[in-house]
Protein backbone atom coordinates (compact mmCIF):
# COMPACT_ATOMS: atom_id res chain seq x y z
CA MET A 1 91.93 148.16 104.30
CA ASN A 2 91.26 145.53 101.62
CA ILE A 3 88.48 143.05 102.07
CA HIS A 4 88.77 139.79 100.18
CA GLU A 5 85.63 138.12 99.24
CA PHE A 6 85.02 134.52 98.23
CA GLY A 7 81.69 132.58 97.57
CA LYS A 8 79.84 135.84 96.92
CA GLU A 9 76.75 134.13 95.56
CA ASN A 10 76.09 132.47 98.90
CA THR A 11 73.59 133.91 101.45
CA GLU A 12 75.16 132.96 104.65
CA THR A 13 78.31 135.10 105.68
CA ILE A 14 81.41 134.29 107.72
CA LEU A 15 83.99 136.90 108.74
CA LEU A 16 87.51 135.53 109.02
CA ILE A 17 89.89 137.74 110.92
CA HIS A 18 93.51 136.58 110.90
CA PRO A 19 95.71 136.75 114.01
CA SER A 20 98.44 139.38 114.39
CA VAL A 21 101.86 138.96 112.51
CA VAL A 22 100.27 136.84 109.72
CA THR A 23 98.60 138.01 106.37
CA TRP A 24 94.99 137.41 105.25
CA ASP A 25 96.15 134.25 103.24
CA TYR A 26 96.62 132.51 106.64
CA PHE A 27 93.28 130.99 105.64
CA GLU A 28 94.42 129.63 102.34
CA ASN A 29 93.49 125.99 103.36
CA VAL A 30 90.18 126.88 104.91
CA ILE A 31 88.78 129.15 102.23
CA PRO A 32 88.43 126.64 99.53
CA LEU A 33 86.41 124.35 102.09
CA LEU A 34 84.09 127.18 103.14
CA GLN A 35 83.49 129.09 99.94
CA GLU A 36 81.28 126.40 98.49
CA ARG A 37 78.65 127.08 101.20
CA TYR A 38 79.36 130.54 102.75
CA HIS A 39 79.97 134.01 101.65
CA LEU A 40 83.48 134.69 103.20
CA LEU A 41 84.77 138.06 104.03
CA VAL A 42 88.60 138.17 104.86
CA PRO A 43 89.93 141.65 105.81
CA ALA A 44 93.54 142.31 105.28
CA LEU A 45 94.33 144.23 108.45
CA PRO A 46 96.46 147.49 108.03
CA GLY A 47 100.11 146.76 108.05
CA TYR A 48 99.63 142.92 107.33
CA ASP A 49 98.87 142.97 103.63
CA PHE A 50 101.28 142.78 100.61
């Protein structure tokens, strides 16, 4: 399983888990808004990654 990280320099962490039958980039519009303030962890669940 791959884990994509954004905003690593921030101390507060949010784990974003995508729903089934979509890939981790489901959050492509949300990530830019949250990465300024939070450290985001977005796992690419097995079978749903490129």
